Amino acid sequence: LNEAMNIKYIEEVADDRGWSRRDCVLRVLSVLMCDRTTVEGIF
């Protein structure tokens, strides 16, 4: 939930995870398209 509600910039993800820029962009996009109700519902 914290990750979903506090979306990082692409550069922050890259610095934190060390992933390729492509994967960092895809990760940020994925979180933007999923809200907290989904996370809460899944659990």
PDB file of all heavy atoms in Angstrom:
ATOM      1  N   LEU A   1       0.826  -1.207   0.000  1.00  0.00           N
ATOM      2  CA  LEU A   1       0.000   0.000   0.000  1.00  0.00           C
ATOM      3  C   LEU A   1       0.863   1.260   0.000  1.00  0.00           C
ATOM      4  O   LEU A   1       0.554   2.234  -0.693  1.00  0.00           O
ATOM      5  CB  LEU A   1      -0.939   0.002   1.211  1.00  0.00           C
ATOM      6  CG  LEU A   1      -2.211  -0.827   1.095  1.00  0.00           C
ATOM      7  CD1 LEU A   1      -2.940  -0.880   2.438  1.00  0.00           C
ATOM      8  CD2 LEU A   1      -3.126  -0.270   0.011  1.00  0.00           C
ATOM      9  N   ASN A   2       1.914   1.241   0.758  1.00  0.00           N
ATOM     10  CA  ASN A   2       2.805   2.398   0.809  1.00  0.00           C
ATOM     11  C   ASN A   2       3.425   2.659  -0.565  1.00  0.00           C
ATOM     12  O   ASN A   2       3.541   3.813  -1.003  1.00  0.00           O
ATOM     13  CB  ASN A   2       3.909   2.162   1.844  1.00  0.00           C
ATOM     14  CG  ASN A   2       4.876   3.331   1.922  1.00  0.00           C
ATOM     15  OD1 ASN A   2       4.524   4.429   2.336  1.00  0.00           O
ATOM     16  ND2 ASN A   2       6.117   3.088   1.513  1.00  0.00           N
ATOM     17  N   GLU A   3       3.797   1.584  -1.232  1.00  0.00           N
ATOM     18  CA  GLU A   3       4.372   1.725  -2.572  1.00  0.00           C
ATOM     19  C   GLU A   3       3.340   2.261  -3.555  1.00  0.00           C
ATOM     20  O   GLU A   3       3.653   3.073  -4.429  1.00  0.00           O
ATOM     21  CB  GLU A   3       4.914   0.380  -3.061  1.00  0.00           C
ATOM     22  CG  GLU A   3       5.674   0.462  -4.373  1.00  0.00           C
ATOM     23  CD  GLU A   3       6.217  -0.873  -4.830  1.00  0.00           C
ATOM     24  OE1 GLU A   3       5.479  -1.873  -4.746  1.00  0.00           O
ATOM     25  OE2 GLU A   3       7.369  -0.912  -5.278  1.00  0.00           O
ATOM     26  N   ALA A   4       2.073   1.796  -3.402  1.00  0.00           N
ATOM     27  CA  ALA A   4       1.013   2.211  -4.315  1.00  0.00           C
ATOM     28  C   ALA A   4       0.583   3.660  -4.085  1.00  0.00           C
ATOM     29  O   ALA A   4       0.182   4.359  -5.022  1.00  0.00           O
ATOM     30  CB  ALA A   4      -0.192   1.283  -4.170  1.00  0.00           C
ATOM     31  N   MET A   5       0.651   4.111  -2.844  1.00  0.00           N
ATOM     32  CA  MET A   5       0.186   5.460  -2.506  1.00  0.00           C
ATOM     33  C   MET A   5       1.290   6.507  -2.612  1.00  0.00           C
ATOM     34  O   MET A   5       1.012   7.695  -2.719  1.00  0.00           O
ATOM     35  CB  MET A   5      -0.385   5.472  -1.085  1.00  0.00           C
ATOM     36  CG  MET A   5      -1.590   4.560  -0.893  1.00  0.00           C
ATOM     37  SD  MET A   5      -2.945   4.937  -2.031  1.00  0.00           S
ATOM     38  CE  MET A   5      -3.402   6.569  -1.458  1.00  0.00           C
ATOM     39  N   ASN A   6       2.535   6.077  -2.568  1.00  0.00           N
ATOM     40  CA  ASN A   6       3.664   7.006  -2.649  1.00  0.00           C
ATOM     41  C   ASN A   6       4.519   6.646  -3.859  1.00  0.00           C
ATOM     42  O   ASN A   6       5.602   6.056  -3.739  1.00  0.00           O
ATOM     43  CB  ASN A   6       4.500   6.955  -1.369  1.00  0.00           C
ATOM     44  CG  ASN A   6       3.691   7.358  -0.144  1.00  0.00           C
ATOM     45  OD1 ASN A   6       3.407   8.530   0.061  1.00  0.00           O
ATOM     46  ND2 ASN A   6       3.313   6.378   0.668  1.00  0.00           N
ATOM     47  N   ILE A   7       3.991   6.987  -5.002  1.00  0.00           N
ATOM     48  CA  ILE A   7       4.606   6.581  -6.259  1.00  0.00           C
ATOM     49  C   ILE A   7       5.917   7.326  -6.488  1.00  0.00           C
ATOM     50  O   ILE A   7       5.979   8.551  -6.402  1.00  0.00           O
ATOM     51  CB  ILE A   7       3.636   6.824  -7.434  1.00  0.00           C
ATOM     52  CG1 ILE A   7       2.355   6.004  -7.210  1.00  0.00           C
ATOM     53  CG2 ILE A   7       4.282   6.441  -8.756  1.00  0.00           C
ATOM     54  CD1 ILE A   7       1.240   6.319  -8.189  1.00  0.00           C
ATOM     55  N   LYS A   8       6.958   6.573  -6.792  1.00  0.00           N
ATOM     56  CA  LYS A   8       8.280   7.153  -6.983  1.00  0.00           C
ATOM     57  C   LYS A   8       8.486   7.600  -8.426  1.00  0.00           C
ATOM     58  O   LYS A   8       7.820   7.133  -9.353  1.00  0.00           O
ATOM     59  CB  LYS A   8       9.358   6.126  -6.623  1.00  0.00           C
ATOM     60  CG  LYS A   8       9.384   5.719  -5.171  1.00  0.00           C
ATOM     61  CD  LYS A   8      10.502   4.725  -4.909  1.00  0.00           C
ATOM     62  CE  LYS A   8      10.577   4.343  -3.444  1.00  0.00           C
ATOM     63  NZ  LYS A   8      11.681   3.383  -3.176  1.00  0.00           N
ATOM     64  N   TYR A   9       9.406   8.537  -8.587  1.00  0.00           N
ATOM     65  CA  TYR A   9       9.839   8.919  -9.924  1.00  0.00           C
ATOM     66  C   TYR A   9      10.680   7.782 -10.507  1.00  0.00           C
ATOM     67  O   TYR A   9      11.243   6.954  -9.788  1.00  0.00           O
ATOM     68  CB  TYR A   9      10.651  10.210  -9.889  1.00  0.00           C
ATOM     69  CG  TYR A   9       9.850  11.441  -9.557  1.00  0.00           C
ATOM     70  CD1 TYR A   9       9.925  12.007  -8.282  1.00  0.00           C
ATOM     71  CD2 TYR A   9       9.024  12.037 -10.506  1.00  0.00           C
ATOM     72  CE1 TYR A   9       9.187  13.147  -7.971  1.00  0.00           C
ATOM     73  CE2 TYR A   9       8.283  13.172 -10.197  1.00  0.00           C
ATOM     74  CZ  TYR A   9       8.362  13.714  -8.934  1.00  0.00           C
ATOM     75  OH  TYR A   9       7.627  14.832  -8.621  1.00  0.00           O
ATOM     76  N   ILE A  10      10.758   7.762 -11.832  1.00  0.00           N
ATOM     77  CA  ILE A  10      11.513   6.714 -12.515  1.00  0.00           C
ATOM     78  C   ILE A  10      12.961   6.688 -12.036  1.00  0.00           C
ATOM     79  O   ILE A  10      13.530   5.614 -11.785  1.00  0.00           O
ATOM     80  CB  ILE A  10      11.451   6.926 -14.040  1.00  0.00           C
ATOM     81  CG1 ILE A  10      10.009   6.737 -14.532  1.00  0.00           C
ATOM     82  CG2 ILE A  10      12.399   5.967 -14.765  1.00  0.00           C
ATOM     83  CD1 ILE A  10       9.783   7.187 -15.960  1.00  0.00           C
ATOM     84  N   GLU A  11      13.554   7.859 -11.864  1.00  0.00           N
ATOM     85  CA  GLU A  11      14.951   7.925 -11.433  1.00  0.00           C
ATOM     86  C   GLU A  11      15.125   7.358 -10.025  1.00  0.00           C
ATOM     87  O   GLU A  11      16.154   6.733  -9.712  1.00  0.00           O
ATOM     88  CB  GLU A  11      15.442   9.369 -11.478  1.00  0.00           C
ATOM     89  CG  GLU A  11      15.597   9.941 -12.887  1.00  0.00           C
ATOM     90  CD  GLU A  11      14.268  10.265 -13.554  1.00  0.00           C
ATOM     91  OE1 GLU A  11      13.239  10.331 -12.835  1.00  0.00           O
ATOM     92  OE2 GLU A  11      14.257  10.427 -14.789  1.00  0.00           O
ATOM     93  N   GLU A  12      14.119   7.573  -9.162  1.00  0.00           N
ATOM     94  CA  GLU A  12      14.183   7.043  -7.805  1.00  0.00           C
ATOM     95  C   GLU A  12      14.154   5.520  -7.813  1.00  0.00           C
ATOM     96  O   GLU A  12      14.883   4.863  -7.050  1.00  0.00           O
ATOM     97  CB  GLU A  12      13.010   7.576  -6.982  1.00  0.00           C
ATOM     98  CG  GLU A  12      13.068   9.047  -6.648  1.00  0.00           C
ATOM     99  CD  GLU A  12      11.872   9.486  -5.834  1.00  0.00           C
ATOM    100  OE1 GLU A  12      10.755   9.497  -6.378  1.00  0.00           O
ATOM    101  OE2 GLU A  12      12.054   9.790  -4.631  1.00  0.00           O
ATOM    102  N   VAL A  13      13.295   4.952  -8.662  1.00  0.00           N
ATOM    103  CA  VAL A  13      13.216   3.489  -8.769  1.00  0.00           C
ATOM    104  C   VAL A  13      14.537   2.936  -9.280  1.00  0.00           C
ATOM    105  O   VAL A  13      15.037   1.913  -8.787  1.00  0.00           O
ATOM    106  CB  VAL A  13      12.054   3.060  -9.697  1.00  0.00           C
ATOM    107  CG1 VAL A  13      12.024   1.549  -9.853  1.00  0.00           C
ATOM    108  CG2 VAL A  13      10.725   3.564  -9.159  1.00  0.00           C
ATOM    109  N   ALA A  14      15.116   3.609 -10.248  1.00  0.00           N
ATOM    110  CA  ALA A  14      16.390   3.161 -10.812  1.00  0.00           C
ATOM    111  C   ALA A  14      17.493   3.176  -9.755  1.00  0.00           C
ATOM    112  O   ALA A  14      18.292   2.233  -9.649  1.00  0.00           O
ATOM    113  CB  ALA A  14      16.775   4.043 -11.998  1.00  0.00           C
ATOM    114  N   ASP A  15      17.524   4.240  -8.957  1.00  0.00           N
ATOM    115  CA  ASP A  15      18.545   4.334  -7.911  1.00  0.00           C
ATOM    116  C   ASP A  15      18.321   3.289  -6.825  1.00  0.00           C
ATOM    117  O   ASP A  15      19.279   2.717  -6.275  1.00  0.00           O
ATOM    118  CB  ASP A  15      18.527   5.735  -7.285  1.00  0.00           C
ATOM    119  CG  ASP A  15      19.027   6.804  -8.236  1.00  0.00           C
ATOM    120  OD1 ASP A  15      19.730   6.441  -9.200  1.00  0.00           O
ATOM    121  OD2 ASP A  15      18.704   7.996  -8.018  1.00  0.00           O
ATOM    122  N   ASP A  16      17.048   3.015  -6.515  1.00  0.00           N
ATOM    123  CA  ASP A  16      16.706   2.100  -5.426  1.00  0.00           C
ATOM    124  C   ASP A  16      16.890   0.643  -5.822  1.00  0.00           C
ATOM    125  O   ASP A  16      17.386  -0.169  -5.042  1.00  0.00           O
ATOM    126  CB  ASP A  16      15.263   2.354  -4.990  1.00  0.00           C
ATOM    127  CG  ASP A  16      14.852   1.507  -3.799  1.00  0.00           C
ATOM    128  OD1 ASP A  16      15.703   1.287  -2.908  1.00  0.00           O
ATOM    129  OD2 ASP A  16      13.689   1.062  -3.750  1.00  0.00           O
ATOM    130  N   ARG A  17      16.476   0.304  -7.041  1.00  0.00           N
ATOM    131  CA  ARG A  17      16.463  -1.103  -7.458  1.00  0.00           C
ATOM    132  C   ARG A  17      17.615  -1.483  -8.383  1.00  0.00           C
ATOM    133  O   ARG A  17      17.938  -2.661  -8.503  1.00  0.00           O
ATOM    134  CB  ARG A  17      15.128  -1.424  -8.163  1.00  0.00           C
ATOM    135  CG  ARG A  17      13.882  -1.073  -7.345  1.00  0.00           C
ATOM    136  CD  ARG A  17      13.703  -1.992  -6.153  1.00  0.00           C
ATOM    137  NE  ARG A  17      12.526  -1.637  -5.376  1.00  0.00           N
ATOM    138  CZ  ARG A  17      11.300  -2.099  -5.586  1.00  0.00           C
ATOM    139  NH1 ARG A  17      11.092  -2.945  -6.593  1.00  0.00           N
ATOM    140  NH2 ARG A  17      10.290  -1.741  -4.823  1.00  0.00           N
ATOM    141  N   GLY A  18      18.163  -0.501  -9.098  1.00  0.00           N
ATOM    142  CA  GLY A  18      19.231  -0.832 -10.037  1.00  0.00           C
ATOM    143  C   GLY A  18      18.737  -1.509 -11.306  1.00  0.00           C
ATOM    144  O   GLY A  18      19.514  -2.154 -12.017  1.00  0.00           O
ATOM    145  N   TRP A  19      17.453  -1.375 -11.622  1.00  0.00           N
ATOM    146  CA  TRP A  19      16.884  -1.979 -12.826  1.00  0.00           C
ATOM    147  C   TRP A  19      17.187  -1.121 -14.048  1.00  0.00           C
ATOM    148  O   TRP A  19      17.600   0.031 -13.938  1.00  0.00           O
ATOM    149  CB  TRP A  19      15.366  -2.125 -12.688  1.00  0.00           C
ATOM    150  CG  TRP A  19      14.911  -2.992 -11.565  1.00  0.00           C
ATOM    151  CD1 TRP A  19      15.640  -3.924 -10.888  1.00  0.00           C
ATOM    152  CD2 TRP A  19      13.603  -3.010 -10.970  1.00  0.00           C
ATOM    153  NE1 TRP A  19      14.869  -4.530  -9.913  1.00  0.00           N
ATOM    154  CE2 TRP A  19      13.622  -3.988  -9.948  1.00  0.00           C
ATOM    155  CE3 TRP A  19      12.422  -2.309 -11.210  1.00  0.00           C
ATOM    156  CZ2 TRP A  19      12.509  -4.273  -9.164  1.00  0.00           C
ATOM    157  CZ3 TRP A  19      11.301  -2.594 -10.440  1.00  0.00           C
ATOM    158  CH2 TRP A  19      11.350  -3.566  -9.426  1.00  0.00           C
ATOM    159  N   SER A  20      16.909  -1.673 -15.228  1.00  0.00           N
ATOM    160  CA  SER A  20      17.042  -0.904 -16.461  1.00  0.00           C
ATOM    161  C   SER A  20      15.987   0.203 -16.484  1.00  0.00           C
ATOM    162  O   SER A  20      14.963   0.124 -15.797  1.00  0.00           O
ATOM    163  CB  SER A  20      16.848  -1.816 -17.677  1.00  0.00           C
ATOM    164  OG  SER A  20      15.486  -2.243 -17.760  1.00  0.00           O
ATOM    165  N   ARG A  21      16.228   1.225 -17.278  1.00  0.00           N
ATOM    166  CA  ARG A  21      15.260   2.317 -17.376  1.00  0.00           C
ATOM    167  C   ARG A  21      13.907   1.794 -17.885  1.00  0.00           C
ATOM    168  O   ARG A  21      12.844   2.212 -17.427  1.00  0.00           O
ATOM    169  CB  ARG A  21      15.772   3.425 -18.298  1.00  0.00           C
ATOM    170  CG  ARG A  21      14.781   4.579 -18.424  1.00  0.00           C
ATOM    171  CD  ARG A  21      15.349   5.761 -19.177  1.00  0.00           C
ATOM    172  NE  ARG A  21      14.336   6.801 -19.347  1.00  0.00           N
ATOM    173  CZ  ARG A  21      14.006   7.688 -18.406  1.00  0.00           C
ATOM    174  NH1 ARG A  21      14.630   7.661 -17.244  1.00  0.00           N
ATOM    175  NH2 ARG A  21      13.073   8.600 -18.641  1.00  0.00           N
ATOM    176  N   ARG A  22      13.957   0.887 -18.850  1.00  0.00           N
ATOM    177  CA  ARG A  22      12.708   0.302 -19.361  1.00  0.00           C
ATOM    178  C   ARG A  22      11.886  -0.316 -18.246  1.00  0.00           C
ATOM    179  O   ARG A  22      10.687  -0.050 -18.113  1.00  0.00           O
ATOM    180  CB  ARG A  22      13.042  -0.776 -20.403  1.00  0.00           C
ATOM    181  CG  ARG A  22      11.822  -1.517 -20.947  1.00  0.00           C
ATOM    182  CD  ARG A  22      12.221  -2.828 -21.589  1.00  0.00           C
ATOM    183  NE  ARG A  22      12.806  -3.736 -20.622  1.00  0.00           N
ATOM    184  CZ  ARG A  22      13.554  -4.789 -20.924  1.00  0.00           C
ATOM    185  NH1 ARG A  22      13.833  -5.055 -22.180  1.00  0.00           N
ATOM    186  NH2 ARG A  22      14.035  -5.577 -19.971  1.00  0.00           N
ATOM    187  N   ASP A  23      12.517  -1.136 -17.416  1.00  0.00           N
ATOM    188  CA  ASP A  23      11.780  -1.815 -16.356  1.00  0.00           C
ATOM    189  C   ASP A  23      11.303  -0.835 -15.290  1.00  0.00           C
ATOM    190  O   ASP A  23      10.236  -1.028 -14.692  1.00  0.00           O
ATOM    191  CB  ASP A  23      12.640  -2.912 -15.737  1.00  0.00           C
ATOM    192  CG  ASP A  23      12.866  -4.072 -16.702  1.00  0.00           C
ATOM    193  OD1 ASP A  23      12.061  -4.231 -17.632  1.00  0.00           O
ATOM    194  OD2 ASP A  23      13.860  -4.800 -16.541  1.00  0.00           O
ATOM    195  N   CYS A  24      12.068   0.205 -15.046  1.00  0.00           N
ATOM    196  CA  CYS A  24      11.642   1.219 -14.078  1.00  0.00           C
ATOM    197  C   CYS A  24      10.411   1.969 -14.581  1.00  0.00           C
ATOM    198  O   CYS A  24       9.479   2.246 -13.814  1.00  0.00           O
ATOM    199  CB  CYS A  24      12.778   2.210 -13.806  1.00  0.00           C
ATOM    200  SG  CYS A  24      14.175   1.490 -12.910  1.00  0.00           S
ATOM    201  N   VAL A  25      10.396   2.304 -15.871  1.00  0.00           N
ATOM    202  CA  VAL A  25       9.241   2.971 -16.462  1.00  0.00           C
ATOM    203  C   VAL A  25       8.010   2.078 -16.362  1.00  0.00           C
ATOM    204  O   VAL A  25       6.915   2.527 -15.976  1.00  0.00           O
ATOM    205  CB  VAL A  25       9.514   3.340 -17.938  1.00  0.00           C
ATOM    206  CG1 VAL A  25       8.228   3.803 -18.628  1.00  0.00           C
ATOM    207  CG2 VAL A  25      10.578   4.421 -18.031  1.00  0.00           C
ATOM    208  N   LEU A  26       8.171   0.813 -16.703  1.00  0.00           N
ATOM    209  CA  LEU A  26       7.049  -0.125 -16.655  1.00  0.00           C
ATOM    210  C   LEU A  26       6.534  -0.295 -15.229  1.00  0.00           C
ATOM    211  O   LEU A  26       5.322  -0.418 -14.997  1.00  0.00           O
ATOM    212  CB  LEU A  26       7.477  -1.480 -17.227  1.00  0.00           C
ATOM    213  CG  LEU A  26       7.801  -1.496 -18.724  1.00  0.00           C
ATOM    214  CD1 LEU A  26       8.381  -2.843 -19.124  1.00  0.00           C
ATOM    215  CD2 LEU A  26       6.555  -1.188 -19.542  1.00  0.00           C
ATOM    216  N   ARG A  27       7.446  -0.283 -14.255  1.00  0.00           N
ATOM    217  CA  ARG A  27       7.046  -0.432 -12.860  1.00  0.00           C
ATOM    218  C   ARG A  27       6.228   0.759 -12.388  1.00  0.00           C
ATOM    219  O   ARG A  27       5.194   0.606 -11.741  1.00  0.00           O
ATOM    220  CB  ARG A  27       8.273  -0.627 -11.966  1.00  0.00           C
ATOM    221  CG  ARG A  27       7.951  -0.793 -10.490  1.00  0.00           C
ATOM    222  CD  ARG A  27       7.009  -1.957 -10.274  1.00  0.00           C
ATOM    223  NE  ARG A  27       6.505  -2.018  -8.919  1.00  0.00           N
ATOM    224  CZ  ARG A  27       5.353  -2.590  -8.579  1.00  0.00           C
ATOM    225  NH1 ARG A  27       4.584  -3.146  -9.506  1.00  0.00           N
ATOM    226  NH2 ARG A  27       4.968  -2.621  -7.332  1.00  0.00           N
ATOM    227  N   VAL A  28       6.680   1.962 -12.718  1.00  0.00           N
ATOM    228  CA  VAL A  28       5.948   3.168 -12.320  1.00  0.00           C
ATOM    229  C   VAL A  28       4.562   3.195 -12.976  1.00  0.00           C
ATOM    230  O   VAL A  28       3.561   3.509 -12.335  1.00  0.00           O
ATOM    231  CB  VAL A  28       6.750   4.431 -12.678  1.00  0.00           C
ATOM    232  CG1 VAL A  28       5.898   5.690 -12.462  1.00  0.00           C
ATOM    233  CG2 VAL A  28       8.020   4.502 -11.835  1.00  0.00           C
ATOM    234  N   LEU A  29       4.492   2.835 -14.249  1.00  0.00           N
ATOM    235  CA  LEU A  29       3.209   2.783 -14.940  1.00  0.00           C
ATOM    236  C   LEU A  29       2.253   1.797 -14.269  1.00  0.00           C
ATOM    237  O   LEU A  29       1.060   2.071 -14.109  1.00  0.00           O
ATOM    238  CB  LEU A  29       3.418   2.375 -16.403  1.00  0.00           C
ATOM    239  CG  LEU A  29       3.856   3.467 -17.377  1.00  0.00           C
ATOM    240  CD1 LEU A  29       4.146   2.858 -18.739  1.00  0.00           C
ATOM    241  CD2 LEU A  29       2.778   4.535 -17.502  1.00  0.00           C
ATOM    242  N   SER A  30       2.777   0.645 -13.880  1.00  0.00           N
ATOM    243  CA  SER A  30       1.920  -0.389 -13.282  1.00  0.00           C
ATOM    244  C   SER A  30       1.282   0.087 -11.988  1.00  0.00           C
ATOM    245  O   SER A  30       0.097  -0.150 -11.732  1.00  0.00           O
ATOM    246  CB  SER A  30       2.728  -1.675 -13.037  1.00  0.00           C
ATOM    247  OG  SER A  30       3.679  -1.498 -11.997  1.00  0.00           O
ATOM    248  N   VAL A  31       2.055   0.781 -11.155  1.00  0.00           N
ATOM    249  CA  VAL A  31       1.524   1.266  -9.887  1.00  0.00           C
ATOM    250  C   VAL A  31       0.480   2.362 -10.123  1.00  0.00           C
ATOM    251  O   VAL A  31      -0.523   2.445  -9.412  1.00  0.00           O
ATOM    252  CB  VAL A  31       2.669   1.788  -8.988  1.00  0.00           C
ATOM    253  CG1 VAL A  31       2.114   2.347  -7.690  1.00  0.00           C
ATOM    254  CG2 VAL A  31       3.652   0.657  -8.684  1.00  0.00           C
ATOM    255  N   LEU A  32       0.702   3.182 -11.138  1.00  0.00           N
ATOM    256  CA  LEU A  32      -0.250   4.242 -11.459  1.00  0.00           C
ATOM    257  C   LEU A  32      -1.607   3.673 -11.879  1.00  0.00           C
ATOM    258  O   LEU A  32      -2.637   4.327 -11.700  1.00  0.00           O
ATOM    259  CB  LEU A  32       0.307   5.121 -12.587  1.00  0.00           C
ATOM    260  CG  LEU A  32       1.419   6.101 -12.207  1.00  0.00           C
ATOM    261  CD1 LEU A  32       2.057   6.682 -13.459  1.00  0.00           C
ATOM    262  CD2 LEU A  32       0.872   7.211 -11.322  1.00  0.00           C
ATOM    263  N   MET A  33      -1.610   2.455 -12.418  1.00  0.00           N
ATOM    264  CA  MET A  33      -2.849   1.858 -12.931  1.00  0.00           C
ATOM    265  C   MET A  33      -3.502   0.901 -11.938  1.00  0.00           C
ATOM    266  O   MET A  33      -4.383   0.115 -12.305  1.00  0.00           O
ATOM    267  CB  MET A  33      -2.568   1.131 -14.249  1.00  0.00           C
ATOM    268  CG  MET A  33      -2.175   2.055 -15.383  1.00  0.00           C
ATOM    269  SD  MET A  33      -2.068   1.221 -16.985  1.00  0.00           S
ATOM    270  CE  MET A  33      -0.571   0.239 -16.759  1.00  0.00           C
ATOM    271  N   CYS A  34      -3.096   0.945 -10.676  1.00  0.00           N
ATOM    272  CA  CYS A  34      -3.672   0.061  -9.656  1.00  0.00           C
ATOM    273  C   CYS A  34      -3.840   0.860  -8.371  1.00  0.00           C
ATOM    274  O   CYS A  34      -2.867   1.390  -7.837  1.00  0.00           O
ATOM    275  CB  CYS A  34      -2.757  -1.139  -9.425  1.00  0.00           C
ATOM    276  SG  CYS A  34      -3.349  -2.310  -8.194  1.00  0.00           S
ATOM    277  N   ASP A  35      -5.087   0.965  -7.856  1.00  0.00           N
ATOM    278  CA  ASP A  35      -5.303   1.782  -6.661  1.00  0.00           C
ATOM    279  C   ASP A  35      -5.382   0.932  -5.392  1.00  0.00           C
ATOM    280  O   ASP A  35      -5.360  -0.297  -5.442  1.00  0.00           O
ATOM    281  CB  ASP A  35      -6.551   2.663  -6.804  1.00  0.00           C
ATOM    282  CG  ASP A  35      -7.819   1.856  -7.026  1.00  0.00           C
ATOM    283  OD1 ASP A  35      -7.946   0.755  -6.453  1.00  0.00           O
ATOM    284  OD2 ASP A  35      -8.697   2.332  -7.769  1.00  0.00           O
ATOM    285  N   ARG A  36      -5.507   1.603  -4.253  1.00  0.00           N
ATOM    286  CA  ARG A  36      -5.457   0.924  -2.967  1.00  0.00           C
ATOM    287  C   ARG A  36      -6.628  -0.039  -2.760  1.00  0.00           C
ATOM    288  O   ARG A  36      -6.498  -1.010  -2.024  1.00  0.00           O
ATOM    289  CB  ARG A  36      -5.373   1.923  -1.827  1.00  0.00           C
ATOM    290  CG  ARG A  36      -6.594   2.773  -1.595  1.00  0.00           C
ATOM    291  CD  ARG A  36      -6.422   3.624  -0.334  1.00  0.00           C
ATOM    292  NE  ARG A  36      -6.207   2.808   0.848  1.00  0.00           N
ATOM    293  CZ  ARG A  36      -5.278   3.059   1.758  1.00  0.00           C
ATOM    294  NH1 ARG A  36      -4.489   4.106   1.617  1.00  0.00           N
ATOM    295  NH2 ARG A  36      -5.154   2.267   2.813  1.00  0.00           N
ATOM    296  N   THR A  37      -7.772   0.205  -3.403  1.00  0.00           N
ATOM    297  CA  THR A  37      -8.915  -0.701  -3.215  1.00  0.00           C
ATOM    298  C   THR A  37      -8.601  -2.101  -3.735  1.00  0.00           C
ATOM    299  O   THR A  37      -9.081  -3.093  -3.182  1.00  0.00           O
ATOM    300  CB  THR A  37     -10.169  -0.157  -3.914  1.00  0.00           C
ATOM    301  OG1 THR A  37      -9.908   0.005  -5.317  1.00  0.00           O
ATOM    302  CG2 THR A  37     -10.586   1.178  -3.324  1.00  0.00           C
ATOM    303  N   THR A  38      -7.800  -2.172  -4.791  1.00  0.00           N
ATOM    304  CA  THR A  38      -7.398  -3.491  -5.309  1.00  0.00           C
ATOM    305  C   THR A  38      -6.503  -4.201  -4.305  1.00  0.00           C
ATOM    306  O   THR A  38      -6.704  -5.387  -4.008  1.00  0.00           O
ATOM    307  CB  THR A  38      -6.654  -3.335  -6.646  1.00  0.00           C
ATOM    308  OG1 THR A  38      -7.534  -2.781  -7.631  1.00  0.00           O
ATOM    309  CG2 THR A  38      -6.143  -4.689  -7.143  1.00  0.00           C
ATOM    310  N   VAL A  39      -5.516  -3.494  -3.783  1.00  0.00           N
ATOM    311  CA  VAL A  39      -4.603  -4.095  -2.814  1.00  0.00           C
ATOM    312  C   VAL A  39      -5.373  -4.579  -1.583  1.00  0.00           C
ATOM    313  O   VAL A  39      -5.192  -5.716  -1.125  1.00  0.00           O
ATOM    314  CB  VAL A  39      -3.509  -3.087  -2.398  1.00  0.00           C
ATOM    315  CG1 VAL A  39      -2.601  -3.693  -1.325  1.00  0.00           C
ATOM    316  CG2 VAL A  39      -2.690  -2.654  -3.608  1.00  0.00           C
ATOM    317  N   GLU A  40      -6.234  -3.725  -1.055  1.00  0.00           N
ATOM    318  CA  GLU A  40      -7.010  -4.093   0.131  1.00  0.00           C
ATOM    319  C   GLU A  40      -7.941  -5.264  -0.163  1.00  0.00           C
ATOM    320  O   GLU A  40      -8.106  -6.165   0.659  1.00  0.00           O
ATOM    321  CB  GLU A  40      -7.794  -2.884   0.630  1.00  0.00           C
ATOM    322  CG  GLU A  40      -6.900  -1.787   1.191  1.00  0.00           C
ATOM    323  CD  GLU A  40      -7.649  -0.508   1.502  1.00  0.00           C
ATOM    324  OE1 GLU A  40      -8.763  -0.322   0.957  1.00  0.00           O
ATOM    325  OE2 GLU A  40      -7.127   0.314   2.292  1.00  0.00           O
ATOM    326  N   GLY A  41      -8.546  -5.262  -1.360  1.00  0.00           N
ATOM    327  CA  GLY A  41      -9.445  -6.347  -1.725  1.00  0.00           C
ATOM    328  C   GLY A  41      -8.733  -7.675  -1.881  1.00  0.00           C
ATOM    329  O   GLY A  41      -9.242  -8.717  -1.449  1.00  0.00           O
ATOM    330  N   ILE A  42      -7.550  -7.657  -2.499  1.00  0.00           N
ATOM    331  CA  ILE A  42      -6.782  -8.896  -2.682  1.00  0.00           C
ATOM    332  C   ILE A  42      -6.509  -9.560  -1.338  1.00  0.00           C
ATOM    333  O   ILE A  42      -6.665 -10.783  -1.183  1.00  0.00           O
ATOM    334  CB  ILE A  42      -5.449  -8.610  -3.407  1.00  0.00           C
ATOM    335  CG1 ILE A  42      -5.687  -8.190  -4.866  1.00  0.00           C
ATOM    336  CG2 ILE A  42      -4.511  -9.818  -3.325  1.00  0.00           C
ATOM    337  CD1 ILE A  42      -6.198  -9.291  -5.763  1.00  0.00           C
ATOM    338  N   PHE A  43      -6.128  -8.766  -0.349  1.00  0.00           N
ATOM    339  CA  PHE A  43      -5.795  -9.344   0.950  1.00  0.00           C
ATOM    340  C   PHE A  43      -7.040  -9.717   1.751  1.00  0.00           C
ATOM    341  O   PHE A  43      -7.106 -10.804   2.337  1.00  0.00           O
ATOM    342  CB  PHE A  43      -4.918  -8.380   1.749  1.00  0.00           C
ATOM    343  CG  PHE A  43      -3.488  -8.369   1.302  1.00  0.00           C
ATOM    344  CD1 PHE A  43      -3.018  -7.378   0.448  1.00  0.00           C
ATOM    345  CD2 PHE A  43      -2.605  -9.368   1.702  1.00  0.00           C
ATOM    346  CE1 PHE A  43      -1.697  -7.376   0.026  1.00  0.00           C
ATOM    347  CE2 PHE A  43      -1.290  -9.383   1.279  1.00  0.00           C
ATOM    348  CZ  PHE A  43      -0.830  -8.374   0.432  1.00  0.00           C
TER     349      PHE A  43
END
